[in-house]
C-alpha atoms as a PDB file:
ATOM      1  CA  MET A   1      -2.455 -13.495  -3.071  1.00  0.00           C
ATOM      2  CA  ILE A   2      -4.781 -10.875  -2.585  1.00  0.00           C
ATOM      3  CA  ASP A   3      -9.072 -12.098  -3.248  1.00  0.00           C
ATOM      4  CA  VAL A   4     -11.609  -9.535  -3.076  1.00  0.00           C
ATOM      5  CA  ARG A   5     -15.292 -10.162  -3.556  1.00  0.00           C
ATOM      6  CA  ASN A   6     -18.567  -8.746  -3.336  1.00  0.00           C
ATOM      7  CA  VAL A   7     -16.649  -6.322  -0.838  1.00  0.00           C
ATOM      8  CA  THR A   8     -19.222  -3.470   0.336  1.00  0.00           C
ATOM      9  CA  VAL A   9     -18.119  -1.469   3.114  1.00  0.00           C
ATOM     10  CA  ARG A  10     -20.567   1.213   5.086  1.00  0.00           C
ATOM     11  CA  PHE A  11     -20.003   4.465   7.090  1.00  0.00           C
ATOM     12  CA  GLY A  12     -23.016   4.868   9.077  1.00  0.00           C
ATOM     13  CA  ASP A  13     -25.742   5.211   6.168  1.00  0.00           C
ATOM     14  CA  ALA A  14     -23.343   5.868   3.650  1.00  0.00           C
ATOM     15  CA  VAL A  15     -21.908   3.425   1.719  1.00  0.00           C
ATOM     16  CA  ALA A  16     -17.860   3.865   0.754  1.00  0.00           C
ATOM     17  CA  VAL A  17     -17.545   0.537  -1.310  1.00  0.00           C
ATOM     18  CA  ALA A  18     -20.053  -0.999  -3.094  1.00  0.00           C
ATOM     19  CA  ASP A  19     -20.221  -4.639  -4.133  1.00  0.00           C
ATOM     20  CA  VAL A  20     -16.161  -4.209  -5.275  1.00  0.00           C
ATOM     21  CA  SER A  21     -14.238  -7.205  -6.814  1.00  0.00           C
ATOM     22  CA  LEU A  22     -10.843  -7.998  -7.746  1.00  0.00           C
ATOM     23  CA  HIS A  23      -7.864 -10.175  -7.860  1.00  0.00           C
ATOM     24  CA  VAL A  24      -4.361  -9.684  -7.347  1.00  0.00           C
ATOM     25  CA  ARG A  25      -2.020 -11.958  -8.693  1.00  0.00           C
ATOM     26  CA  PRO A  26       0.962 -12.977  -6.952  1.00  0.00           C
ATOM     27  CA  GLY A  27       3.973 -10.635  -7.542  1.00  0.00           C
ATOM     28  CA  GLU A  28       1.626  -8.783  -8.883  1.00  0.00           C
ATOM     29  CA  SER A  29       1.346  -4.760  -8.693  1.00  0.00           C
ATOM     30  CA  PHE A  30      -2.290  -3.554  -9.445  1.00  0.00           C
ATOM     31  CA  GLY A  31      -3.864  -0.015  -9.140  1.00  0.00           C
ATOM     32  CA  LEU A  32      -6.535   1.629  -8.042  1.00  0.00           C
ATOM     33  CA  VAL A  33      -7.600   5.090  -9.354  1.00  0.00           C
ATOM     34  CA  GLY A  34     -10.298   7.082  -9.139  1.00  0.00           C
ATOM     35  CA  GLU A  35     -11.292  10.776  -8.121  1.00  0.00           C
ATOM     36  CA  SER A  36     -11.234  11.352  -3.802  1.00  0.00           C
ATOM     37  CA  GLY A  37     -13.998   9.818  -2.271  1.00  0.00           C
ATOM     38  CA  SER A  38     -14.164   6.721  -4.691  1.00  0.00           C
ATOM     39  CA  GLY A  39     -13.374   3.793  -2.511  1.00  0.00           C
ATOM     40  CA  LYS A  40     -10.251   3.495  -3.171  1.00  0.00           C
ATOM     41  CA  SER A  41      -8.159   3.836   0.447  1.00  0.00           C
ATOM     42  CA  THR A  42     -11.139   2.408   1.584  1.00  0.00           C
ATOM     43  CA  ILE A  43     -10.349  -1.183   0.273  1.00  0.00           C
ATOM     44  CA  LEU A  44      -7.078  -1.123   1.760  1.00  0.00           C
ATOM     45  CA  ARG A  45      -7.841  -0.205   4.861  1.00  0.00           C
ATOM     46  CA  THR A  46     -10.826  -2.633   5.252  1.00  0.00           C
ATOM     47  CA  ALA A  47      -8.361  -5.585   3.983  1.00  0.00           C
ATOM     48  CA  VAL A  48      -6.226  -4.875   7.332  1.00  0.00           C
ATOM     49  CA  GLY A  49      -8.796  -4.654   9.577  1.00  0.00           C
ATOM     50  CA  LEU A  50      -9.198  -0.592   9.774  1.00  0.00           C
ATOM     51  CA  THR A  51     -12.416  -1.109   9.049  1.00  0.00           C
ATOM     52  CA  SER A  52     -15.301  -3.184  11.125  1.00  0.00           C
ATOM     53  CA  ASP A  53     -19.035  -2.654   9.090  1.00  0.00           C
ATOM     54  CA  TRP A  54     -18.402  -4.393   5.658  1.00  0.00           C
ATOM     55  CA  SER A  55     -19.606  -7.606   4.240  1.00  0.00           C
ATOM     56  CA  GLY A  56     -18.088  -9.660   1.319  1.00  0.00           C
ATOM     57  CA  GLU A  57     -14.723 -11.983   1.087  1.00  0.00           C
ATOM     58  CA  ILE A  58     -11.395 -10.779   1.273  1.00  0.00           C
ATOM     59  CA  THR A  59      -7.900 -12.941   1.521  1.00  0.00           C
ATOM     60  CA  ILE A  60      -4.441 -12.364   1.476  1.00  0.00           C
ATOM     61  CA  ASP A  61      -2.347 -15.258   0.338  1.00  0.00           C
ATOM     62  CA  GLY A  62      -5.311 -17.742   1.392  1.00  0.00           C
ATOM     63  CA  TYR A  63      -5.872 -16.302   4.856  1.00  0.00           C
ATOM     64  CA  ASP A  64      -9.369 -14.643   5.655  1.00  0.00           C
ATOM     65  CA  ALA A  65      -9.194 -10.651   6.471  1.00  0.00           C
ATOM     66  CA  LYS A  66     -12.044 -11.550   8.878  1.00  0.00           C
ATOM     67  CA  SER A  67     -11.605 -14.736  10.867  1.00  0.00           C
ATOM     68  CA  THR A  68      -7.408 -14.317  11.101  1.00  0.00           C
ATOM     69  CA  PRO A  69      -6.257 -12.875  14.024  1.00  0.00           C
ATOM     70  CA  THR A  70      -4.752  -9.377  13.451  1.00  0.00           C
ATOM     71  CA  ARG A  71      -1.633 -10.780  14.544  1.00  0.00           C
ATOM     72  CA  GLU A  72      -1.519 -13.687  12.323  1.00  0.00           C
ATOM     73  CA  LEU A  73      -2.630 -11.559   9.423  1.00  0.00           C
ATOM     74  CA  ALA A  74       0.336  -8.684   9.668  1.00  0.00           C
ATOM     75  CA  GLN A  75       3.446 -11.248   9.439  1.00  0.00           C
ATOM     76  CA  ARG A  76       1.142 -11.090   5.688  1.00  0.00           C
ATOM     77  CA  VAL A  77       0.044  -8.269   4.750  1.00  0.00           C
ATOM     78  CA  GLN A  78       1.340  -4.406   5.719  1.00  0.00           C
ATOM     79  CA  MET A  79      -0.071  -1.014   4.971  1.00  0.00           C
ATOM     80  CA  VAL A  80       2.371   2.030   3.906  1.00  0.00           C
ATOM     81  CA  PHE A  81       0.533   5.080   4.521  1.00  0.00           C
ATOM     82  CA  GLN A  82       0.182   8.555   2.792  1.00  0.00           C
ATOM     83  CA  ASP A  83       1.744  10.905   4.994  1.00  0.00           C
ATOM     84  CA  PRO A  84       4.755   8.903   6.840  1.00  0.00           C
ATOM     85  CA  TYR A  85       5.209  12.090   9.505  1.00  0.00           C
ATOM     86  CA  ALA A  86       2.070  11.174  10.589  1.00  0.00           C
ATOM     87  CA  SER A  87       2.296   7.388  10.568  1.00  0.00           C
ATOM     88  CA  LEU A  88       5.477   7.616  12.698  1.00  0.00           C
ATOM     89  CA  HIS A  89       5.230   7.654  16.394  1.00  0.00           C
ATOM     90  CA  PRO A  90       7.344  11.040  17.316  1.00  0.00           C
ATOM     91  CA  ARG A  91       9.138   9.599  20.361  1.00  0.00           C
ATOM     92  CA  PHE A  92      10.606   6.822  19.199  1.00  0.00           C
ATOM     93  CA  THR A  93      13.443   6.577  17.139  1.00  0.00           C
ATOM     94  CA  VAL A  94      13.407   4.988  13.639  1.00  0.00           C
ATOM     95  CA  GLY A  95      15.316   1.532  14.983  1.00  0.00           C
ATOM     96  CA  ARG A  96      12.656   1.365  17.971  1.00  0.00           C
ATOM     97  CA  ALA A  97       9.851   2.752  14.913  1.00  0.00           C
ATOM     98  CA  ILE A  98      11.535  -0.686  12.851  1.00  0.00           C
ATOM     99  CA  ALA A  99      11.993  -2.681  15.539  1.00  0.00           C
ATOM    100  CA  GLU A 100       8.197  -2.530  16.968  1.00  0.00           C
ATOM    101  CA  PRO A 101       6.480  -4.663  14.733  1.00  0.00           C
ATOM    102  CA  MET A 102       8.957  -7.046  15.611  1.00  0.00           C
ATOM    103  CA  ARG A 103       9.226  -7.079  19.257  1.00  0.00           C
ATOM    104  CA  ILE A 104       5.207  -7.327  19.398  1.00  0.00           C
ATOM    105  CA  GLN A 105       5.675 -10.602  17.319  1.00  0.00           C
ATOM    106  CA  LYS A 106       8.538 -12.082  19.353  1.00  0.00           C
ATOM    107  CA  MET A 107      10.792 -12.399  17.173  1.00  0.00           C
ATOM    108  CA  ALA A 108      14.934 -13.224  17.498  1.00  0.00           C
ATOM    109  CA  GLY A 109      17.192 -11.745  16.105  1.00  0.00           C
ATOM    110  CA  ILE A 110      15.811  -8.310  16.007  1.00  0.00           C
ATOM    111  CA  GLU A 111      19.029  -5.943  15.865  1.00  0.00           C
ATOM    112  CA  GLU A 112      20.516  -7.542  12.910  1.00  0.00           C
ATOM    113  CA  ARG A 113      17.101  -7.177  11.042  1.00  0.00           C
ATOM    114  CA  VAL A 114      16.870  -3.653  11.796  1.00  0.00           C
ATOM    115  CA  ASP A 115      19.858  -3.282  10.589  1.00  0.00           C
ATOM    116  CA  GLU A 116      19.461  -5.468   6.858  1.00  0.00           C
ATOM    117  CA  LEU A 117      16.434  -3.432   6.488  1.00  0.00           C
ATOM    118  CA  LEU A 118      17.624  -0.155   6.494  1.00  0.00           C
ATOM    119  CA  ARG A 119      19.910  -1.460   4.180  1.00  0.00           C
ATOM    120  CA  LEU A 120      16.715  -2.665   2.008  1.00  0.00           C
ATOM    121  CA  ILE A 121      15.512   1.015   2.009  1.00  0.00           C
ATOM    122  CA  GLY A 122      19.176   2.720   1.207  1.00  0.00           C
ATOM    123  CA  LEU A 123      19.821   4.333   5.091  1.00  0.00           C
ATOM    124  CA  ASP A 124      22.921   3.656   6.450  1.00  0.00           C
ATOM    125  CA  ALA A 125      23.179   2.552  10.849  1.00  0.00           C
ATOM    126  CA  SER A 126      23.528   6.340  12.116  1.00  0.00           C
ATOM    127  CA  PHE A 127      19.755   6.586  11.198  1.00  0.00           C
ATOM    128  CA  ARG A 128      18.791   4.112  13.947  1.00  0.00           C
ATOM    129  CA  SER A 129      19.568   7.291  16.620  1.00  0.00           C
ATOM    130  CA  ARG A 130      17.242   9.814  14.741  1.00  0.00           C
ATOM    131  CA  TYR A 131      13.911  10.805  15.297  1.00  0.00           C
ATOM    132  CA  PRO A 132      11.218  11.776  12.472  1.00  0.00           C
ATOM    133  CA  HIS A 133      11.507  15.415  12.722  1.00  0.00           C
ATOM    134  CA  GLU A 134      15.506  15.059  11.806  1.00  0.00           C
ATOM    135  CA  LEU A 135      14.593  13.383   8.714  1.00  0.00           C
ATOM    136  CA  SER A 136      13.653  14.813   5.029  1.00  0.00           C
ATOM    137  CA  GLY A 137      10.048  13.637   3.606  1.00  0.00           C
ATOM    138  CA  GLY A 138      11.880  10.860   1.549  1.00  0.00           C
ATOM    139  CA  GLN A 139      14.060   9.213   4.201  1.00  0.00           C
ATOM    140  CA  ARG A 140      10.771   8.818   6.480  1.00  0.00           C
ATOM    141  CA  GLN A 141       9.175   7.575   3.381  1.00  0.00           C
ATOM    142  CA  ARG A 142      11.777   4.736   3.186  1.00  0.00           C
ATOM    143  CA  VAL A 143      11.586   4.251   6.817  1.00  0.00           C
ATOM    144  CA  ALA A 144       8.067   3.437   6.790  1.00  0.00           C
ATOM    145  CA  ILE A 145       8.747   0.873   3.887  1.00  0.00           C
ATOM    146  CA  ALA A 146      11.132  -0.617   6.285  1.00  0.00           C
ATOM    147  CA  ARG A 147       9.030  -0.855   9.197  1.00  0.00           C
ATOM    148  CA  ALA A 148       6.353  -2.715   6.799  1.00  0.00           C
ATOM    149  CA  LEU A 149       8.651  -4.984   5.515  1.00  0.00           C
ATOM    150  CA  ALA A 150       9.850  -6.204   9.101  1.00  0.00           C
ATOM    151  CA  LEU A 151       7.379  -8.885   9.586  1.00  0.00           C
ATOM    152  CA  GLN A 152       8.288 -10.273   5.574  1.00  0.00           C
ATOM    153  CA  PRO A 153       4.732 -10.240   4.576  1.00  0.00           C
ATOM    154  CA  LYS A 154       4.218 -11.057   1.175  1.00  0.00           C
ATOM    155  CA  VAL A 155       1.682  -7.964  -0.028  1.00  0.00           C
ATOM    156  CA  LEU A 156       2.177  -4.302   0.571  1.00  0.00           C
ATOM    157  CA  LEU A 157      -0.639  -2.139   0.744  1.00  0.00           C
ATOM    158  CA  LEU A 158       0.435   1.444  -0.487  1.00  0.00           C
ATOM    159  CA  ASP A 159      -2.081   4.125   0.009  1.00  0.00           C
ATOM    160  CA  GLU A 160      -0.372   7.192  -2.214  1.00  0.00           C
ATOM    161  CA  PRO A 161       3.013   6.685  -0.835  1.00  0.00           C
ATOM    162  CA  THR A 162       4.185   9.443  -2.969  1.00  0.00           C
ATOM    163  CA  SER A 163       1.883  12.454  -3.056  1.00  0.00           C
ATOM    164  CA  ALA A 164       2.971  13.718   0.177  1.00  0.00           C
ATOM    165  CA  LEU A 165       6.110  14.182  -1.103  1.00  0.00           C
ATOM    166  CA  ASP A 166       8.384  16.644  -3.031  1.00  0.00           C
ATOM    167  CA  VAL A 167       8.512  15.946  -6.882  1.00  0.00           C
ATOM    168  CA  SER A 168      12.099  15.553  -6.646  1.00  0.00           C
ATOM    169  CA  VAL A 169      12.002  12.735  -4.312  1.00  0.00           C
ATOM    170  CA  GLN A 170       8.300  10.680  -5.577  1.00  0.00           C
ATOM    171  CA  ALA A 171      10.768   8.660  -8.446  1.00  0.00           C
ATOM    172  CA  GLU A 172      13.407   7.607  -5.968  1.00  0.00           C
ATOM    173  CA  ILE A 173      10.777   5.846  -4.013  1.00  0.00           C
ATOM    174  CA  LEU A 174       9.058   4.740  -6.359  1.00  0.00           C
ATOM    175  CA  ASN A 175      12.375   3.087  -8.010  1.00  0.00           C
ATOM    176  CA  LEU A 176      12.902   2.178  -4.459  1.00  0.00           C
ATOM    177  CA  LEU A 177       9.174   0.447  -4.212  1.00  0.00           C
ATOM    178  CA  GLU A 178      10.036  -1.499  -7.754  1.00  0.00           C
ATOM    179  CA  ASP A 179      13.632  -2.941  -6.602  1.00  0.00           C
ATOM    180  CA  LEU A 180      11.984  -4.169  -3.370  1.00  0.00           C
ATOM    181  CA  ARG A 181       9.323  -5.688  -5.321  1.00  0.00           C
ATOM    182  CA  ALA A 182      11.728  -8.039  -7.211  1.00  0.00           C
ATOM    183  CA  GLU A 183      14.060  -8.474  -4.466  1.00  0.00           C
ATOM    184  CA  LEU A 184      11.626  -9.760  -2.170  1.00  0.00           C
ATOM    185  CA  ASP A 185       8.918 -11.356  -4.659  1.00  0.00           C
ATOM    186  CA  LEU A 186       6.691  -9.364  -3.024  1.00  0.00           C
ATOM    187  CA  THR A 187       2.627  -8.488  -4.423  1.00  0.00           C
ATOM    188  CA  PHE A 188       1.459  -4.477  -4.320  1.00  0.00           C
ATOM    189  CA  LEU A 189      -1.851  -2.712  -3.807  1.00  0.00           C
ATOM    190  CA  ILE A 190      -1.381   0.671  -4.853  1.00  0.00           C
ATOM    191  CA  VAL A 191      -3.795   3.219  -4.641  1.00  0.00           C
ATOM    192  CA  SER A 192      -2.796   7.121  -6.400  1.00  0.00           C
ATOM    193  CA  HIS A 193      -4.700   9.483  -8.297  1.00  0.00           C
ATOM    194  CA  ASN A 194      -1.871   9.702 -10.320  1.00  0.00           C
ATOM    195  CA  LEU A 195      -2.163   7.719 -13.220  1.00  0.00           C
ATOM    196  CA  ALA A 196       1.568   8.240 -14.178  1.00  0.00           C
ATOM    197  CA  VAL A 197       2.628   6.587 -11.445  1.00  0.00           C
ATOM    198  CA  ILE A 198       0.095   3.883 -11.670  1.00  0.00           C
ATOM    199  CA  SER A 199       1.090   3.397 -15.455  1.00  0.00           C
ATOM    200  CA  HIS A 200       4.865   3.207 -14.055  1.00  0.00           C
ATOM    201  CA  MET A 201       4.425   1.001 -10.884  1.00  0.00           C
ATOM    202  CA  CYS A 202       1.740  -1.236 -12.248  1.00  0.00           C
ATOM    203  CA  ASP A 203       0.500  -4.643 -14.326  1.00  0.00           C
ATOM    204  CA  ARG A 204      -3.321  -3.739 -14.238  1.00  0.00           C
ATOM    205  CA  LEU A 205      -5.500  -1.500 -12.891  1.00  0.00           C
ATOM    206  CA  MET A 206      -9.003  -0.689 -11.764  1.00  0.00           C
ATOM    207  CA  VAL A 207     -11.089   2.035 -12.329  1.00  0.00           C
ATOM    208  CA  MET A 208     -13.249   3.398  -9.580  1.00  0.00           C
ATOM    209  CA  GLN A 209     -15.914   5.818  -9.423  1.00  0.00           C
ATOM    210  CA  ASP A 210     -18.804   6.545  -6.374  1.00  0.00           C
ATOM    211  CA  SER A 211     -17.808   3.645  -4.862  1.00  0.00           C
ATOM    212  CA  ARG A 212     -17.734   0.996  -7.123  1.00  0.00           C
ATOM    213  CA  ALA A 213     -15.202  -0.653  -9.753  1.00  0.00           C
ATOM    214  CA  VAL A 214     -16.181   1.236 -13.453  1.00  0.00           C
ATOM    215  CA  GLU A 215     -13.403  -1.519 -15.332  1.00  0.00           C
ATOM    216  CA  VAL A 216     -10.291  -3.307 -14.810  1.00  0.00           C
ATOM    217  CA  LEU A 217      -6.758  -2.114 -17.710  1.00  0.00           C
ATOM    218  CA  THR A 218      -4.273  -3.509 -17.935  1.00  0.00           C
ATOM    219  CA  ARG A 219      -0.972  -1.053 -18.193  1.00  0.00           C
ATOM    220  CA  GLU A 220      -1.025  -1.244 -21.766  1.00  0.00           C
ATOM    221  CA  GLN A 221      -4.521  -0.803 -22.585  1.00  0.00           C
ATOM    222  CA  LEU A 222      -4.053   2.602 -20.101  1.00  0.00           C
ATOM    223  CA  ARG A 223      -1.039   3.850 -22.646  1.00  0.00           C
ATOM    224  CA  ALA A 224      -2.882   2.908 -26.024  1.00  0.00           C
ATOM    225  CA  ARG A 225      -5.935   4.309 -24.246  1.00  0.00           C
ATOM    226  CA  GLU A 226      -8.034   1.526 -24.785  1.00  0.00           C
ATOM    227  CA  PHE A 227     -10.798   1.575 -22.620  1.00  0.00           C
ATOM    228  CA  SER A 228     -14.364   0.853 -22.774  1.00  0.00           C
ATOM    229  CA  SER A 229     -15.584   3.594 -19.978  1.00  0.00           C
ATOM    230  CA  PRO A 230     -15.983   7.280 -20.784  1.00  0.00           C
ATOM    231  CA  TYR A 231     -14.905   8.165 -17.246  1.00  0.00           C
ATOM    232  CA  THR A 232     -11.539   6.761 -17.631  1.00  0.00           C
ATOM    233  CA  ARG A 233     -11.401   8.861 -20.410  1.00  0.00           C
ATOM    234  CA  LYS A 234     -12.280  12.015 -18.643  1.00  0.00           C
ATOM    235  CA  LEU A 235      -9.852  10.611 -16.147  1.00  0.00           C
ATOM    236  CA  LEU A 236      -7.156  10.108 -18.094  1.00  0.00           C
ATOM    237  CA  GLU A 237      -7.822  13.724 -19.565  1.00  0.00           C
ATOM    238  CA  ALA A 238      -8.131  15.317 -16.268  1.00  0.00           C
ATOM    239  CA  ALA A 239      -4.575  13.924 -15.527  1.00  0.00           C
END
């Protein structure tokens, strides 16, 4: 479902991602872990067209990320950002925020779809008329997830989806994401510095350091501490 082959991303003279490859099966939840600046989030942003200077190949559900028109690619992959307040337009109501991608794509049945999405994320119809500043952090992230699901994508890219939330709310959002993955047959690529989140959410994970891939592990290998890299061991001990 997600195929990243020999991807290198540059920002000027700096290399943010160096020759990284990864492959995610349909319905799988795959994690990217590592220190800040290791290139995790850059891979996600590159996959949805938010970086320009990169080489290699990325395909989503067989569609090439470079050559596929943005509108067409958006129907297959969407991203949920770290800070739900910053990613929602402050002057858009919840209903308008969720409906906006569908309006851009000129879809039919938008109002009914908004109601359906609110139900999926556990909010009632009264939230349609509220603004982001009237919501809690967890509610804002639920709305961001609903907006990402509006076009019925098969893939969600999740960039630290709970790190901006209170600890008490983090588990609710993670459980919601797990329920949605099962119900909608979604594929996840998740970035997190929190190994507990990755262990809970992901079938497999890639450890990154200084823009490069270190190793790929299964959840069971992570939990059993069956890894080959000293960096992975240090990362786990630090966590």
